[in-house]
């Protein structure tokens, strides 16, 4: 079986287990996803969603964030960690969107990653969820699980993204990443993985290696 064939079978299995490929971050407007993605660095999505409930109620638009005092944002996002850096980049990214992109979030990964605080992971999230374009979000769940499955031997996010783009059908790639997150929390955990409940054991190189051992 080729890696591409295995990737397609993994997609199909995850689609059956998780019919709704939902983003774990709660948002209603495109810029809210961008900001939530920034806050999620080294922080759980659960905590981010608690914080953004307050943040998005107080600041409702890109203009609001661009005009905000960084110190005010800091106080709200403090529970997410790295709050000074995150607050500063949130205000600066919204100002950059106003000044350089006419108040509209850009739709290419090259432009998105010029915004303060936006790396490839968040840029891909925006491409997939906001613009419905092919995207590969290589968070810790994605890197860990695709490595275990044998879809990549890389551990650096950008290299994992490159490998997966070659294997995943473009129209399935964004939803695949959402499903991988759900699967990582549910079954294929960083510690205490539940192989006995896993629908992917026949496709998993790590599991087969474990069985041989």
Protein backbone atom coordinates (compact mmCIF):
# COMPACT_ATOMS: atom_id res chain seq x y z
CA UNK A 1 0.00 0.00 0.00
CA UNK A 2 1.35 3.42 -0.92
CA UNK A 3 1.30 6.36 1.48
CA UNK A 4 -1.29 8.08 -0.71
CA UNK A 5 -3.55 5.02 -0.57
CA UNK A 6 -3.13 4.83 3.20
CA UNK A 7 -3.91 8.55 3.55
CA UNK A 8 -7.15 8.15 1.62
CA UNK A 9 -8.22 5.20 3.77
CA UNK A 10 -7.44 7.22 6.92
CA UNK A 11 -9.57 10.08 5.56
CA UNK A 12 -12.47 7.72 4.95
CA UNK A 13 -12.22 6.13 8.40
CA UNK A 14 -12.12 9.49 10.15
CA UNK A 15 -15.06 10.75 8.09
CA UNK A 16 -17.13 7.82 9.36
CA UNK A 17 -16.13 8.39 12.97
CA UNK A 18 -16.48 12.19 12.88
CA UNK A 19 -19.04 13.18 10.21
CA UNK A 20 -18.91 16.82 11.30
CA UNK A 21 -15.40 18.19 10.89
CA UNK A 22 -15.75 21.06 13.31
CA UNK A 23 -13.07 23.56 14.26
CA UNK A 24 -12.34 23.38 17.98
CA UNK A 25 -12.03 27.16 18.25
CA UNK A 26 -15.31 29.05 18.67
CA UNK A 27 -15.80 32.06 16.39
CA UNK A 28 -18.45 33.79 14.31
CA UNK A 29 -16.36 36.21 12.22
CA UNK A 30 -13.21 35.57 10.17
CA UNK A 31 -11.02 37.90 12.22
CA UNK A 32 -12.13 36.10 15.38
CA UNK A 33 -10.69 32.83 14.07
CA UNK A 34 -7.44 34.59 13.27
CA UNK A 35 -7.21 35.99 16.80
CA UNK A 36 -8.26 32.71 18.44
CA UNK A 37 -5.61 30.94 16.38
CA UNK A 38 -2.99 33.36 17.67
CA UNK A 39 -4.08 32.82 21.26
CA UNK A 40 -3.99 29.02 20.87
CA UNK A 41 -0.19 28.95 20.68
CA UNK A 42 0.97 26.94 23.72
CA UNK A 43 -2.56 27.06 25.11
CA UNK A 44 -5.53 24.69 24.99
CA UNK A 45 -8.45 25.45 22.70
CA UNK A 46 -10.75 25.04 25.69
CA UNK A 47 -9.05 27.88 27.57
CA UNK A 48 -8.91 30.03 24.42
CA UNK A 49 -12.67 29.66 23.97
CA UNK A 50 -13.28 30.84 27.55
CA UNK A 51 -11.08 33.90 27.02
CA UNK A 52 -12.43 34.82 23.57
CA UNK A 53 -15.99 34.79 24.86
CA UNK A 54 -15.07 37.88 26.87
CA UNK A 55 -12.67 39.31 24.30
CA UNK A 56 -15.05 39.15 21.32
CA UNK A 57 -17.89 40.60 23.36
CA UNK A 58 -15.80 43.67 24.15
CA UNK A 59 -14.06 44.07 20.77
CA UNK A 60 -16.39 43.26 17.89
CA UNK A 61 -14.48 44.24 14.75
CA UNK A 62 -11.05 44.60 13.23
CA UNK A 63 -11.41 48.35 13.75
CA UNK A 64 -12.09 47.81 17.46
CA UNK A 65 -8.96 45.71 17.89
CA UNK A 66 -6.84 48.11 15.83
CA UNK A 67 -7.89 50.98 18.09
CA UNK A 68 -7.48 49.03 21.33
CA UNK A 69 -4.88 49.65 24.02
CA UNK A 70 -2.50 46.72 24.17
CA UNK A 71 -2.61 46.80 27.98
CA UNK A 72 -6.39 46.29 27.92
CA UNK A 73 -6.06 43.26 25.64
CA UNK A 74 -3.30 41.91 27.90
CA UNK A 75 -5.60 41.79 30.91
CA UNK A 76 -8.20 39.75 29.05
CA UNK A 77 -5.85 37.28 27.35
CA UNK A 78 -3.57 36.77 30.38
CA UNK A 79 -4.96 33.23 31.07
CA UNK A 80 -3.72 32.10 27.63
CA UNK A 81 -0.08 32.60 28.55
CA UNK A 82 2.51 34.72 26.72
CA UNK A 83 -0.14 37.39 27.08
CA UNK A 84 2.08 40.42 26.46
CA UNK A 85 3.36 39.07 23.14
CA UNK A 86 -0.07 37.81 22.08
CA UNK A 87 -1.87 41.05 22.95
CA UNK A 88 0.70 43.14 21.07
CA UNK A 89 0.48 40.97 17.95
CA UNK A 90 -3.35 40.97 18.01
CA UNK A 91 -3.47 44.76 17.92
CA UNK A 92 -0.67 44.98 15.35
CA UNK A 93 -2.18 42.36 13.02
CA UNK A 94 -5.51 44.20 12.96
CA UNK A 95 -3.76 47.49 12.26
CA UNK A 96 -1.82 45.82 9.45
CA UNK A 97 -5.03 44.44 7.95
CA UNK A 98 -6.50 47.96 7.93
CA UNK A 99 -3.40 49.66 6.58
CA UNK A 100 -2.17 47.11 4.06
CA UNK A 101 -5.25 45.12 3.07
CA UNK A 102 -8.08 47.65 3.23
CA UNK A 103 -9.63 46.06 6.29
CA UNK A 104 -10.07 42.66 4.62
CA UNK A 105 -8.27 39.51 5.73
CA UNK A 106 -5.99 38.37 2.88
CA UNK A 107 -6.63 35.01 1.25
CA UNK A 108 -3.14 33.69 0.49
CA UNK A 109 -0.72 32.02 2.87
CA UNK A 110 2.04 34.33 1.69
CA UNK A 111 0.07 37.45 2.64
CA UNK A 112 -1.35 36.01 5.85
CA UNK A 113 2.07 35.12 7.18
CA UNK A 114 3.20 38.75 6.79
CA UNK A 115 0.76 39.69 9.56
CA UNK A 116 2.23 40.01 13.07
CA UNK A 117 1.79 36.80 15.06
CA UNK A 118 0.43 34.72 12.17
CA UNK A 119 2.41 31.60 11.29
CA UNK A 120 1.63 28.89 8.79
CA UNK A 121 -0.58 26.94 11.21
CA UNK A 122 -3.02 29.81 11.74
CA UNK A 123 -2.72 30.91 8.11
CA UNK A 124 -3.75 27.43 6.97
CA UNK A 125 -6.62 27.43 9.45
CA UNK A 126 -7.93 30.65 7.94
CA UNK A 127 -7.47 29.42 4.37
CA UNK A 128 -9.46 26.27 5.07
CA UNK A 129 -12.23 27.55 7.33
CA UNK A 130 -12.74 31.08 6.04
CA UNK A 131 -11.88 30.79 2.35
CA UNK A 132 -12.58 27.04 1.89
CA UNK A 133 -9.27 26.50 0.15
CA UNK A 134 -6.99 23.45 0.45
CA UNK A 135 -5.16 23.74 3.76
CA UNK A 136 -3.10 21.60 6.11
CA UNK A 137 -3.00 22.67 9.75
CA UNK A 138 -0.05 20.92 11.36
CA UNK A 139 -0.73 21.22 15.07
CA UNK A 140 0.67 18.82 17.67
CA UNK A 141 -2.13 16.27 17.14
CA UNK A 142 -1.57 16.23 13.38
CA UNK A 143 2.20 15.86 13.67
CA UNK A 144 1.97 13.10 16.29
CA UNK A 145 -0.74 11.02 14.63
CA UNK A 146 0.39 11.27 11.02
CA UNK A 147 3.82 10.25 12.23
CA UNK A 148 2.40 7.20 14.02
CA UNK A 149 0.41 6.27 10.94
CA UNK A 150 3.53 6.45 8.79
CA UNK A 151 2.30 9.27 6.56
CA UNK A 152 5.38 11.33 7.41
CA UNK A 153 8.68 10.86 9.17
CA UNK A 154 9.09 14.59 9.74
CA UNK A 155 8.41 16.45 12.98
CA UNK A 156 8.84 20.07 11.87
CA UNK A 157 5.38 21.58 11.13
CA UNK A 158 6.26 22.98 7.69
CA UNK A 159 7.86 19.71 6.55
CA UNK A 160 4.87 17.71 7.81
CA UNK A 161 2.59 20.10 5.93
CA UNK A 162 4.60 19.57 2.75
CA UNK A 163 4.40 15.78 3.08
CA UNK A 164 0.66 15.78 3.74
CA UNK A 165 -0.12 18.10 0.84
CA UNK A 166 1.35 15.44 -1.45
CA UNK A 167 -0.86 12.72 0.05
CA UNK A 168 -4.24 14.23 0.94
CA UNK A 169 -6.92 15.05 -1.61
CA UNK A 170 -6.96 18.88 -1.61
CA UNK A 171 -10.71 19.07 -1.03
CA UNK A 172 -10.38 16.85 2.06
CA UNK A 173 -7.22 18.26 3.62
CA UNK A 174 -8.73 20.96 5.86
CA UNK A 175 -11.45 18.71 7.27
CA UNK A 176 -8.89 15.93 7.71
CA UNK A 177 -6.94 18.19 10.07
CA UNK A 178 -10.04 19.03 12.13
CA UNK A 179 -10.85 15.34 12.41
CA UNK A 180 -7.28 14.51 13.43
CA UNK A 181 -7.61 16.93 16.35
CA UNK A 182 -10.84 15.24 17.47
CA UNK A 183 -9.21 11.83 17.07
CA UNK A 184 -6.15 12.93 19.03
CA UNK A 185 -8.25 14.03 21.97
CA UNK A 186 -10.53 11.02 21.80
CA UNK A 187 -8.31 8.04 20.97
CA UNK A 188 -4.74 8.62 19.78
CA UNK A 189 -3.53 10.64 22.75
CA UNK A 190 0.01 11.80 23.37
CA UNK A 191 0.01 9.54 26.42
CA UNK A 192 -2.24 6.57 27.04
CA UNK A 193 -3.35 6.04 23.45
CA UNK A 194 -6.38 3.75 23.19
CA UNK A 195 -5.31 1.32 20.48
CA UNK A 196 -8.03 -1.13 21.51
CA UNK A 197 -10.68 1.41 20.48
CA UNK A 198 -8.89 2.65 17.38
CA UNK A 199 -10.44 2.23 13.90
CA UNK A 200 -7.04 2.82 12.27
CA UNK A 201 -4.93 -0.01 13.67
CA UNK A 202 -4.77 -1.82 10.32
CA UNK A 203 -3.35 1.35 8.78
CA UNK A 204 -1.03 2.32 11.65
CA UNK A 205 2.68 1.62 11.36
CA UNK A 206 3.28 2.39 15.05
CA UNK A 207 0.64 -0.14 16.10
CA UNK A 208 2.03 -2.86 13.86
CA UNK A 209 5.53 -2.21 15.19
CA UNK A 210 4.19 -2.46 18.73
CA UNK A 211 2.48 -5.76 17.94
CA UNK A 212 5.68 -7.24 16.51
CA UNK A 213 7.61 -6.15 19.59
